[in-house]
Amino acid sequence: MAKENYYTCLLFYCLFLSVAQFGGAVPLLGGKKLIVGIPKNKGFDQFVDVKLNSSTNQVVDVTGYSIEVFNATVNHLLQLGFNVSYEFQAFVDRTGKRAGSYDQLLQQIPARKYDVVVGDITIVANRANYVDFTLPYAESSTRMLVRVQQNQHLNMWIFLRPFSWDLWLTVVLACIFIGATLRFMERKVNRNAENESEEGSTRRRPSTAVSMLWLPLVQMVLPERESVAKNCSKFVLVVWLLLAFVLMQSYTASLSSILTLDQLQPTYPTLNDLKRNGEYVGYPTSSYVLDMMVDSFKFDKSKLKECIGIEDYREALDKGSRNGGVAAIFDEEPYIKVFLKRYGSKYYKMVGPYYRTAGFGFAFPRNSSLASYFSRAILNVIESDVMKEIEQKYFGSNEDEELQNQSNASLDSRNLTTHSFAGLFMITGFLTFLAVLVSESPTWQKPLKLAKIHSQTYLFSLLSKKTNQSEDGSMNVSSTQQPNHQEIHSISHEGLPIETLPV
């Protein structure tokens, strides 16, 4: 008898494989129609939008992102040869209102009321204790939605923000260095100008160290004014003006960015600010987010307010925490994207994430083989163009999110530092040093001439000691080797004291 049963089972198994291989429909759940439970969400109908018969509470029509993903998954199973039939039933009471939270909806699966629950169901650990989830079809993480406001109370020292403190210090030191260099190179011109008459000295007045500090500004405003006389000094001034021009253009661009983009700031960007200031915070109704905010984020439950739907989100954020609203709302990323698509990211921003989850998935009974079938089908749907079309339909393109990320990145941009212009400062210093060498070449030649005279005198003394020539011969040698006194006299007039020369 047992042997006959074995062959009977083997026959049915072979028949099952042959039907699946040659295109026959393989029934799931023994050919039974799947009873699909769906939530009736009042706020975000972009995920599940249910229309009921007012008298019987039967589902007349159901649309939304989660529903279309489920339909695409079922269509893929049908293409593989599985026979899937299903019926939607809304989780509502007799009045047509929502019968409970999402956790209560999932608990209807062990109660055998539903075979599968479809909707914006977040995969979390405590729910996996009584249901099995498919692979997630949408990513999700809990983030914070805040209202941004234009900063009307700009700091009186905001003009210093474009440059960091080290760059400001470097600019001041560079200005002092250039001023001292020009002062040094123009010292002879200034000394001659002091000896001129008052009428003649109006052409070039002696320049002080203070005047050299604002010389680039004078040259920018009055370019026709001739402030220096030597060509090397003019070259140094041109190099400095080029450096000042680059710095001023960079300063203008950075300050413009601060006064336009950077004045939009999140109202309360961190969790610590919300808790420290005792602000009211919103959370979505019938969601796990409330438990997460109390248990994980340690919010005071008296400071939490329930928000229902997109309109309630906007009204609460616009009022603010001090006027009966909230300072921020914690919700999952897909819901915030829907909110930002409707109202834009000009006045509202999504910051975070603060708490990661596995995402949205479909729920089945524990140890059900349907979860594995649907998971494989979800993978194929995600990799196809069908998923892109569904996301484009309900959430729009990713361009808005990329623009928001770029805006957030601009808010975090750093000030210009010395390292940003290190190469320019090095080039300026090198060219200035080169101009000083060329300008002061006569000064460097004086010690060379003096060294030459001393060497000639030293050689003459050595030669006079070693030779035992006659007095006439020694006098002849001295007349030919001794340096010219006229040359020594000319050098002394150039600034070297003649007392330092050997007699």
Protein backbone atom coordinates (compact mmCIF):
# COMPACT_ATOMS: atom_id res chain seq x y z
CA MET A 1 0.00 0.00 0.00
CA ALA A 2 2.80 2.34 0.86
CA LYS A 3 4.53 1.44 -2.37
CA GLU A 4 1.42 2.30 -4.38
CA ASN A 5 1.16 5.68 -2.64
CA TYR A 6 4.81 6.38 -3.45
CA TYR A 7 4.26 5.73 -7.16
CA THR A 8 1.10 7.81 -7.11
CA CYS A 9 2.94 10.79 -5.63
CA LEU A 10 5.75 10.35 -8.11
CA LEU A 11 3.25 10.35 -10.96
CA PHE A 12 1.66 13.57 -9.80
CA TYR A 13 5.09 15.19 -9.40
CA CYS A 14 6.10 14.27 -12.94
CA LEU A 15 2.78 15.59 -14.20
CA PHE A 16 3.42 18.87 -12.33
CA LEU A 17 6.86 19.28 -13.90
CA SER A 18 5.57 18.52 -17.38
CA VAL A 19 2.80 21.08 -17.06
CA ALA A 20 5.25 23.73 -15.86
CA GLN A 21 7.73 22.91 -18.62
CA PHE A 22 5.33 22.94 -21.54
CA GLY A 23 3.56 26.15 -20.70
CA GLY A 24 0.78 25.04 -18.45
CA ALA A 25 -0.31 27.30 -15.58
CA VAL A 26 1.07 26.27 -12.21
CA PRO A 27 -1.43 27.23 -9.49
CA LEU A 28 -0.15 28.94 -6.38
CA LEU A 29 -1.76 28.27 -3.02
CA GLY A 30 -3.50 25.24 -4.52
CA GLY A 31 -5.38 27.36 -7.04
CA LYS A 32 -7.05 29.37 -4.28
CA LYS A 33 -7.67 33.05 -4.86
CA LEU A 34 -5.32 35.16 -2.77
CA ILE A 35 -7.03 37.52 -0.33
CA VAL A 36 -4.89 40.65 -0.38
CA GLY A 37 -5.26 43.00 2.54
CA ILE A 38 -4.51 46.65 1.85
CA PRO A 39 -4.38 49.66 4.21
CA LYS A 40 -6.61 52.68 3.84
CA ASN A 41 -4.17 55.53 4.34
CA LYS A 42 -5.77 58.91 4.62
CA GLY A 43 -2.69 61.04 4.15
CA PHE A 44 -0.50 59.56 1.44
CA ASP A 45 -2.73 58.08 -1.24
CA GLN A 46 0.21 57.99 -3.66
CA PHE A 47 1.12 54.57 -2.23
CA VAL A 48 -2.32 53.03 -1.77
CA ASP A 49 -5.47 54.84 -2.91
CA VAL A 50 -8.59 52.84 -2.13
CA LYS A 51 -12.10 53.60 -3.31
CA LEU A 52 -14.86 51.68 -1.52
CA ASN A 53 -18.51 51.01 -2.08
CA SER A 54 -20.21 53.13 0.54
CA SER A 55 -22.82 50.47 1.35
CA THR A 56 -20.79 47.25 1.29
CA ASN A 57 -17.24 48.54 1.90
CA GLN A 58 -16.09 46.45 -1.02
CA VAL A 59 -13.09 47.66 -2.98
CA VAL A 60 -14.23 49.38 -6.15
CA ASP A 61 -10.85 50.59 -7.35
CA VAL A 62 -7.33 50.67 -5.91
CA THR A 63 -4.28 52.43 -7.30
CA GLY A 64 -0.94 53.68 -6.05
CA TYR A 65 2.75 52.97 -6.15
CA SER A 66 2.63 49.83 -4.00
CA ILE A 67 -0.33 48.45 -5.90
CA GLU A 68 1.32 48.91 -9.28
CA VAL A 69 4.48 47.21 -8.04
CA PHE A 70 2.36 44.28 -6.82
CA ASN A 71 0.52 44.07 -10.15
CA ALA A 72 3.84 44.14 -12.03
CA THR A 73 5.12 41.32 -9.79
CA VAL A 74 2.01 39.22 -10.45
CA ASN A 75 2.32 39.84 -14.20
CA HIS A 76 5.88 38.57 -14.09
CA LEU A 77 4.71 35.41 -12.33
CA LEU A 78 2.03 34.95 -14.97
CA GLN A 79 4.69 35.19 -17.67
CA LEU A 80 6.61 32.42 -15.92
CA GLY A 81 3.56 30.16 -16.12
CA PHE A 82 2.10 30.55 -12.62
CA ASN A 83 -1.62 30.91 -12.18
CA VAL A 84 -2.23 33.75 -9.73
CA SER A 85 -5.62 35.16 -8.90
CA TYR A 86 -6.27 37.62 -6.11
CA GLU A 87 -8.85 39.87 -4.55
CA PHE A 88 -8.22 43.13 -2.70
CA GLN A 89 -9.88 43.74 0.66
CA ALA A 90 -9.43 46.97 2.55
CA PHE A 91 -8.64 46.92 6.26
CA VAL A 92 -11.54 49.12 7.36
CA ASP A 93 -14.33 49.03 9.92
CA ARG A 94 -18.07 49.16 9.26
CA THR A 95 -17.98 52.92 8.71
CA GLY A 96 -15.31 52.64 6.00
CA LYS A 97 -12.56 54.11 8.16
CA ARG A 98 -9.24 52.52 8.89
CA ALA A 99 -9.63 49.64 11.31
CA GLY A 100 -6.22 49.95 12.96
CA SER A 101 -2.51 50.51 12.63
CA TYR A 102 -0.13 48.76 10.26
CA ASP A 103 0.88 46.33 12.98
CA GLN A 104 -2.76 45.38 13.50
CA LEU A 105 -3.13 44.95 9.76
CA LEU A 106 -0.18 42.53 9.65
CA GLN A 107 -1.59 40.59 12.57
CA GLN A 108 -4.57 39.66 10.38
CA ILE A 109 -2.26 37.29 8.46
CA PRO A 110 -1.72 34.89 11.38
CA ALA A 111 -5.45 35.22 12.07
CA ARG A 112 -5.96 33.82 8.52
CA LYS A 113 -8.05 36.78 7.43
CA TYR A 114 -5.59 37.75 4.67
CA ASP A 115 -3.18 35.65 2.62
CA VAL A 116 -0.93 38.59 1.84
CA VAL A 117 -0.74 42.25 2.85
CA VAL A 118 0.26 44.74 0.18
CA GLY A 119 1.03 48.40 0.70
CA ASP A 120 3.60 50.74 2.12
CA ILE A 121 4.59 48.19 4.75
CA THR A 122 8.00 48.79 6.31
CA ILE A 123 10.15 45.75 7.04
CA VAL A 124 11.16 45.93 10.70
CA ALA A 125 12.41 43.30 13.09
CA ASN A 126 9.44 43.04 15.45
CA ARG A 127 7.01 42.50 12.56
CA ALA A 128 9.10 39.62 11.25
CA ASN A 129 8.17 37.66 14.36
CA TYR A 130 4.70 36.84 13.02
CA VAL A 131 4.95 37.36 9.22
CA ASP A 132 7.46 36.72 6.45
CA PHE A 133 8.44 39.60 4.18
CA THR A 134 9.52 39.53 0.61
CA LEU A 135 12.62 41.31 -0.56
CA PRO A 136 12.12 45.07 -0.36
CA TYR A 137 10.83 46.73 -3.50
CA ALA A 138 11.62 50.26 -2.27
CA GLU A 139 14.40 51.64 -0.11
CA SER A 140 13.45 53.44 3.05
CA SER A 141 15.01 55.21 6.00
CA THR A 142 13.62 57.51 8.61
CA ARG A 143 14.59 61.10 7.93
CA MET A 144 13.62 64.52 9.15
CA LEU A 145 11.55 67.09 7.27
CA VAL A 146 12.15 70.71 8.23
CA ARG A 147 11.11 74.08 6.97
CA VAL A 148 13.89 76.33 5.77
CA GLN A 149 13.79 80.04 6.29
CA GLN A 150 15.77 82.95 4.97
CA ASN A 151 18.18 84.26 7.55
CA GLN A 152 17.04 87.84 8.13
CA HIS A 153 19.54 88.47 10.92
CA LEU A 154 22.82 88.24 9.12
CA ASN A 155 25.90 88.71 11.22
CA MET A 156 27.48 92.16 11.06
CA TRP A 157 30.82 90.47 10.37
CA ILE A 158 29.54 88.41 7.47
CA PHE A 159 31.92 90.23 5.11
CA LEU A 160 34.77 88.33 6.78
CA ARG A 161 33.31 84.88 6.02
CA PRO A 162 34.59 84.49 2.43
CA PHE A 163 38.18 84.21 3.66
CA SER A 164 39.39 82.09 6.54
CA TRP A 165 41.36 83.75 9.32
CA ASP A 166 44.67 82.36 8.06
CA LEU A 167 44.03 83.78 4.58
CA TRP A 168 43.21 87.22 6.01
CA LEU A 169 46.45 87.11 8.00
CA THR A 170 48.39 86.03 4.92
CA VAL A 171 46.95 88.91 2.88
CA VAL A 172 47.95 91.44 5.55
CA LEU A 173 51.47 90.01 5.77
CA ALA A 174 51.78 90.02 1.97
CA CYS A 175 50.68 93.66 1.87
CA ILE A 176 53.26 94.58 4.51
CA PHE A 177 55.93 92.64 2.61
CA ILE A 178 55.18 94.39 -0.68
CA GLY A 179 55.02 97.78 1.03
CA ALA A 180 58.36 97.23 2.75
CA THR A 181 59.92 96.03 -0.50
CA LEU A 182 58.77 99.09 -2.42
CA ARG A 183 59.91 101.32 0.44
CA PHE A 184 63.35 99.71 0.30
CA MET A 185 63.64 99.92 -3.48
CA GLU A 186 62.48 103.57 -3.60
CA ARG A 187 64.63 104.83 -0.72
CA LYS A 188 67.11 106.70 -2.94
CA VAL A 189 64.31 108.33 -4.92
CA ASN A 190 62.69 109.47 -1.67
CA ARG A 191 66.01 110.82 -0.36
CA ASN A 192 66.48 112.87 -3.52
CA ALA A 193 62.89 114.10 -3.32
CA GLU A 194 63.47 115.47 0.18
CA ASN A 195 66.30 117.64 -1.14
CA GLU A 196 64.23 119.12 -3.93
CA SER A 197 62.29 122.32 -3.67
CA GLU A 198 58.62 122.32 -2.71
CA GLU A 199 57.54 122.94 -6.29
CA GLY A 200 59.67 120.16 -7.64
CA SER A 201 58.78 117.69 -4.93
CA THR A 202 55.11 117.59 -5.90
CA ARG A 203 55.99 115.12 -8.62
CA ARG A 204 57.08 112.45 -6.13
CA ARG A 205 56.51 112.84 -2.44
CA PRO A 206 58.34 110.64 0.03
CA SER A 207 56.30 107.49 0.57
CA THR A 208 55.82 106.19 4.09
CA ALA A 209 55.35 102.61 5.19
CA VAL A 210 51.66 103.27 5.89
CA SER A 211 51.06 104.66 2.43
CA MET A 212 52.53 101.53 0.89
CA LEU A 213 49.89 99.40 2.59
CA TRP A 214 47.03 100.98 0.71
CA LEU A 215 49.01 101.52 -2.50
CA PRO A 216 47.17 98.73 -4.42
CA LEU A 217 43.84 100.37 -3.65
CA VAL A 218 45.11 103.74 -4.82
CA GLN A 219 46.36 102.21 -8.04
CA MET A 220 43.04 100.47 -8.65
CA VAL A 221 41.06 103.68 -8.13
CA LEU A 222 43.56 106.08 -9.70
CA PRO A 223 45.56 104.10 -12.26
CA GLU A 224 46.94 107.25 -13.86
CA ARG A 225 48.77 108.24 -10.68
CA GLU A 226 52.47 107.41 -10.76
CA SER A 227 53.47 106.28 -7.27
CA VAL A 228 56.83 104.68 -7.96
CA ALA A 229 59.77 105.72 -10.10
CA LYS A 230 62.03 102.72 -10.70
CA ASN A 231 61.11 100.14 -13.29
CA CYS A 232 61.72 97.26 -10.91
CA SER A 233 59.38 98.89 -8.41
CA LYS A 234 56.71 99.18 -11.11
CA PHE A 235 57.18 95.50 -11.89
CA VAL A 236 56.67 94.58 -8.23
CA LEU A 237 53.58 96.79 -8.11
CA VAL A 238 52.12 95.06 -11.19
CA VAL A 239 52.69 91.64 -9.64
CA TRP A 240 51.00 92.79 -6.44
CA LEU A 241 48.04 94.24 -8.35
CA LEU A 242 47.57 90.93 -10.16
CA LEU A 243 47.52 89.13 -6.83
CA ALA A 244 45.10 91.66 -5.38
CA PHE A 245 42.83 91.37 -8.43
CA VAL A 246 42.58 87.57 -8.09
CA LEU A 247 41.90 87.86 -4.36
CA MET A 248 39.21 90.51 -4.85
CA GLN A 249 37.44 88.52 -7.56
CA SER A 250 37.48 85.39 -5.41
CA TYR A 251 36.22 87.36 -2.42
CA THR A 252 33.34 88.82 -4.45
CA ALA A 253 32.28 85.42 -5.78
CA SER A 254 32.41 83.81 -2.35
CA LEU A 255 30.51 86.63 -0.65
CA SER A 256 27.83 86.51 -3.36
CA SER A 257 27.41 82.79 -2.71
CA ILE A 258 27.04 83.41 1.01
CA LEU A 259 24.41 86.13 0.54
CA THR A 260 22.33 84.03 -1.87
CA LEU A 261 22.63 80.26 -1.43
CA ASP A 262 23.98 80.05 2.09
CA GLN A 263 21.25 82.14 3.64
CA LEU A 264 18.82 79.23 3.32
CA GLN A 265 19.52 77.03 6.33
CA PRO A 266 17.58 74.19 7.95
CA THR A 267 15.72 75.48 10.96
CA TYR A 268 16.76 72.65 13.29
CA PRO A 269 19.31 70.43 11.57
CA THR A 270 20.18 68.09 14.45
CA LEU A 271 18.39 65.94 16.98
CA ASN A 272 20.22 67.59 19.85
CA ASP A 273 18.87 71.00 18.89
CA LEU A 274 15.31 69.72 18.95
CA LYS A 275 15.66 68.04 22.34
CA ARG A 276 17.73 70.80 23.92
CA ASN A 277 15.32 73.56 22.89
CA GLY A 278 12.22 71.56 23.85
CA GLU A 279 10.66 71.89 20.40
CA TYR A 280 7.56 70.01 19.33
CA VAL A 281 8.21 67.28 16.76
CA GLY A 282 5.72 65.57 14.46
CA TYR A 283 5.38 61.90 13.54
CA PRO A 284 3.10 60.02 11.10
CA THR A 285 0.00 58.37 12.42
CA SER A 286 -0.14 54.57 12.87
CA SER A 287 3.55 54.10 12.23
CA TYR A 288 6.49 52.51 13.98
CA VAL A 289 8.18 55.93 13.94
CA LEU A 290 6.56 56.88 17.26
CA ASP A 291 8.15 53.98 19.12
CA MET A 292 11.47 54.68 17.41
CA MET A 293 11.44 58.35 18.49
CA VAL A 294 10.70 57.45 22.11
CA ASP A 295 12.90 54.37 22.47
CA SER A 296 15.83 55.16 20.17
CA PHE A 297 15.94 58.96 20.00
CA LYS A 298 14.78 59.50 23.63
CA PHE A 299 12.25 62.21 22.82
CA ASP A 300 9.84 63.35 25.49
CA LYS A 301 6.50 61.87 24.51
CA SER A 302 4.72 65.05 25.58
CA LYS A 303 6.65 66.92 22.86
CA LEU A 304 5.46 64.63 20.06
CA LYS A 305 2.47 65.48 17.88
CA GLU A 306 0.65 63.21 15.48
CA CYS A 307 0.44 64.44 11.89
CA ILE A 308 -1.94 62.97 9.33
CA GLY A 309 -1.25 63.46 5.64
CA ILE A 310 0.58 65.93 3.46
CA GLU A 311 -1.64 68.90 4.24
CA ASP A 312 -1.24 68.36 7.95
CA TYR A 313 2.54 68.20 7.47
CA ARG A 314 2.63 71.52 5.69
CA GLU A 315 0.32 73.27 8.13
CA ALA A 316 2.28 72.07 11.15
CA LEU A 317 5.64 73.10 9.70
CA ASP A 318 4.37 76.51 8.60
CA LYS A 319 3.04 77.29 12.08
CA GLY A 320 6.22 76.31 13.82
CA SER A 321 6.77 74.90 17.28
CA ARG A 322 5.99 78.18 19.08
CA ASN A 323 2.63 78.68 17.33
CA GLY A 324 0.94 75.32 17.78
CA GLY A 325 2.81 73.47 15.07
CA VAL A 326 6.03 71.48 14.99
CA ALA A 327 9.66 72.30 14.30
CA ALA A 328 10.33 69.08 12.38
CA ILE A 329 8.61 65.89 11.27
CA PHE A 330 10.17 62.44 11.31
CA ASP A 331 8.95 60.11 8.61
CA GLU A 332 10.20 57.60 6.08
CA GLU A 333 12.02 58.81 3.02
CA PRO A 334 9.42 57.83 0.37
CA TYR A 335 6.72 59.89 2.12
CA ILE A 336 9.00 62.91 2.40
CA LYS A 337 9.84 62.63 -1.30
CA VAL A 338 6.13 62.73 -2.10
CA PHE A 339 5.77 65.83 0.08
CA LEU A 340 8.72 67.58 -1.58
CA LYS A 341 7.42 66.71 -5.04
CA ARG A 342 4.17 68.52 -4.29
CA TYR A 343 5.51 71.55 -2.41
CA GLY A 344 9.07 71.74 -3.68
CA SER A 345 12.37 71.99 -1.88
CA LYS A 346 12.55 75.79 -1.78
CA TYR A 347 10.94 76.10 1.64
CA TYR A 348 11.28 72.52 2.89
CA LYS A 349 14.24 70.18 3.15
CA MET A 350 14.87 66.55 3.97
CA VAL A 351 17.81 65.97 6.29
CA GLY A 352 19.22 62.79 7.73
CA PRO A 353 19.03 59.80 7.57
CA TYR A 354 18.74 59.04 11.25
CA TYR A 355 17.36 55.49 11.27
CA ARG A 356 17.73 52.92 8.51
CA THR A 357 15.22 50.21 7.70
CA ALA A 358 15.11 47.41 5.14
CA GLY A 359 12.45 49.19 3.05
CA PHE A 360 8.93 48.39 1.84
CA GLY A 361 7.89 44.78 1.23
CA PHE A 362 4.91 42.45 0.91
CA ALA A 363 3.94 40.33 3.93
CA PHE A 364 3.02 36.63 3.83
CA PRO A 365 2.34 34.01 6.50
CA ARG A 366 5.33 32.50 8.27
CA ASN A 367 7.12 29.72 6.34
CA SER A 368 5.04 30.42 3.23
CA SER A 369 6.57 29.48 -0.12
CA LEU A 370 4.79 32.42 -1.70
CA ALA A 371 7.28 34.84 -0.17
CA SER A 372 10.18 33.27 -2.10
CA TYR A 373 8.23 33.23 -5.39
CA PHE A 374 7.27 36.88 -5.04
CA SER A 375 10.79 37.85 -3.92
CA ARG A 376 12.33 36.46 -7.10
CA ALA A 377 9.66 38.20 -9.15
CA ILE A 378 10.33 41.51 -7.35
CA LEU A 379 14.02 41.28 -8.27
CA ASN A 380 13.13 40.97 -11.94
CA VAL A 381 10.67 43.85 -11.75
CA ILE A 382 13.23 46.11 -10.03
CA GLU A 383 15.80 45.43 -12.74
CA SER A 384 13.32 46.12 -15.55
CA ASP A 385 12.15 49.38 -17.06
CA VAL A 386 8.71 48.85 -15.54
CA MET A 387 9.97 49.89 -12.11
CA LYS A 388 11.54 53.06 -13.51
CA GLU A 389 8.25 54.01 -15.13
CA ILE A 390 6.33 53.46 -11.90
CA GLU A 391 8.79 55.53 -9.86
CA GLN A 392 8.76 58.28 -12.47
CA LYS A 393 4.97 58.35 -12.34
CA TYR A 394 4.65 58.77 -8.58
CA PHE A 395 7.92 60.31 -7.42
CA GLY A 396 9.30 62.07 -10.49
CA SER A 397 12.88 61.94 -11.67
CA ASN A 398 15.96 61.97 -9.48
CA GLU A 399 17.03 65.38 -10.81
CA ASP A 400 15.26 67.24 -8.01
CA GLU A 401 16.99 65.11 -5.39
CA GLU A 402 20.36 65.67 -7.06
CA LEU A 403 19.78 69.42 -7.08
CA GLN A 404 18.90 69.30 -3.40
CA ASN A 405 22.05 67.33 -2.63
CA GLN A 406 24.09 69.91 -4.54
CA SER A 407 22.41 72.68 -2.56
CA ASN A 408 23.18 70.90 0.71
CA ALA A 409 26.75 70.45 -0.42
CA SER A 410 27.03 74.18 -1.14
CA LEU A 411 25.85 74.89 2.40
CA ASP A 412 28.73 72.83 3.71
CA SER A 413 31.33 74.44 1.47
CA ARG A 414 34.37 75.75 3.28
CA ASN A 415 35.80 79.25 3.23
CA LEU A 416 38.74 80.07 1.02
CA THR A 417 41.99 79.31 2.81
CA THR A 418 45.65 80.15 2.31
CA HIS A 419 46.14 76.76 0.70
CA SER A 420 43.75 77.84 -2.08
CA PHE A 421 46.17 80.59 -3.16
CA ALA A 422 49.47 79.10 -2.00
CA GLY A 423 50.82 78.85 -5.53
CA LEU A 424 49.91 82.46 -6.30
CA PHE A 425 51.62 83.72 -3.14
CA MET A 426 54.76 81.71 -3.97
CA ILE A 427 54.93 83.15 -7.49
CA THR A 428 54.44 86.68 -6.14
CA GLY A 429 57.20 86.25 -3.57
CA PHE A 430 59.62 84.77 -6.11
CA LEU A 431 59.06 87.55 -8.67
CA THR A 432 59.38 90.20 -5.97
CA PHE A 433 62.67 88.74 -4.76
CA LEU A 434 63.95 88.62 -8.34
CA ALA A 435 63.02 92.28 -8.89
CA VAL A 436 64.89 93.27 -5.72
CA LEU A 437 68.02 91.47 -6.93
CA VAL A 438 67.91 93.27 -10.26
CA SER A 439 67.09 96.65 -8.69
CA GLU A 440 69.85 96.49 -6.09
CA SER A 441 72.56 95.07 -8.33
CA PRO A 442 74.85 98.16 -7.86
CA THR A 443 74.64 97.73 -4.10
CA TRP A 444 75.70 94.09 -4.36
CA GLN A 445 78.60 95.14 -6.65
CA LYS A 446 80.18 97.44 -4.06
CA PRO A 447 81.30 94.63 -1.70
CA LEU A 448 82.64 92.78 -4.72
CA LYS A 449 84.76 95.74 -5.75
CA LEU A 450 85.94 96.22 -2.18
CA ALA A 451 86.87 92.53 -1.93
CA LYS A 452 88.81 92.83 -5.16
CA ILE A 453 90.81 95.80 -3.80
CA HIS A 454 91.57 94.00 -0.53
CA SER A 455 92.73 90.92 -2.40
CA GLN A 456 95.04 92.99 -4.57
CA THR A 457 96.50 94.74 -1.50
CA TYR A 458 97.02 91.41 0.28
CA LEU A 459 98.80 89.93 -2.71
CA PHE A 460 101.01 93.02 -2.90
CA SER A 461 102.06 92.68 0.76
CA LEU A 462 102.90 89.00 0.32
CA LEU A 463 104.89 89.75 -2.79
CA SER A 464 106.87 92.51 -1.05
CA LYS A 465 107.89 90.20 1.80
CA LYS A 466 109.08 87.32 -0.35
CA THR A 467 111.12 89.24 -2.85
CA ASN A 468 114.65 90.52 -2.15
CA GLN A 469 114.84 92.66 -5.17
CA SER A 470 116.47 96.02 -5.22
CA GLU A 471 114.67 99.13 -4.10
CA ASP A 472 114.19 100.28 -7.65
CA GLY A 473 112.78 96.91 -8.63
CA SER A 474 110.46 96.81 -5.61
CA MET A 475 109.26 100.33 -6.37
CA ASN A 476 108.54 99.30 -9.93
CA VAL A 477 106.55 96.31 -8.71
CA SER A 478 104.58 98.45 -6.26
CA SER A 479 103.77 100.97 -8.94
CA THR A 480 102.35 98.24 -11.14
CA GLN A 481 100.52 96.20 -8.42
CA GLN A 482 99.16 98.87 -6.06
CA PRO A 483 95.52 99.75 -6.62
CA ASN A 484 94.55 103.08 -8.01
CA HIS A 485 93.86 105.66 -5.29
CA GLN A 486 91.46 107.44 -7.58
CA GLU A 487 89.34 104.26 -7.74
CA ILE A 488 89.37 103.98 -3.93
CA HIS A 489 88.32 107.59 -3.67
CA SER A 490 85.40 107.02 -6.08
CA ILE A 491 84.19 104.02 -4.08
CA SER A 492 84.30 105.97 -0.84
CA HIS A 493 82.02 108.57 -2.38
CA GLU A 494 79.55 105.82 -3.22
CA GLY A 495 78.93 105.05 0.42
CA LEU A 496 82.00 103.08 1.70
CA PRO A 497 84.20 104.82 4.32
CA ILE A 498 87.74 105.23 3.06
CA GLU A 499 89.06 104.57 6.56
CA THR A 500 88.26 100.89 6.08
CA LEU A 501 90.72 100.58 3.17
CA PRO A 502 94.34 99.70 3.82
CA VAL A 503 96.89 102.47 3.24
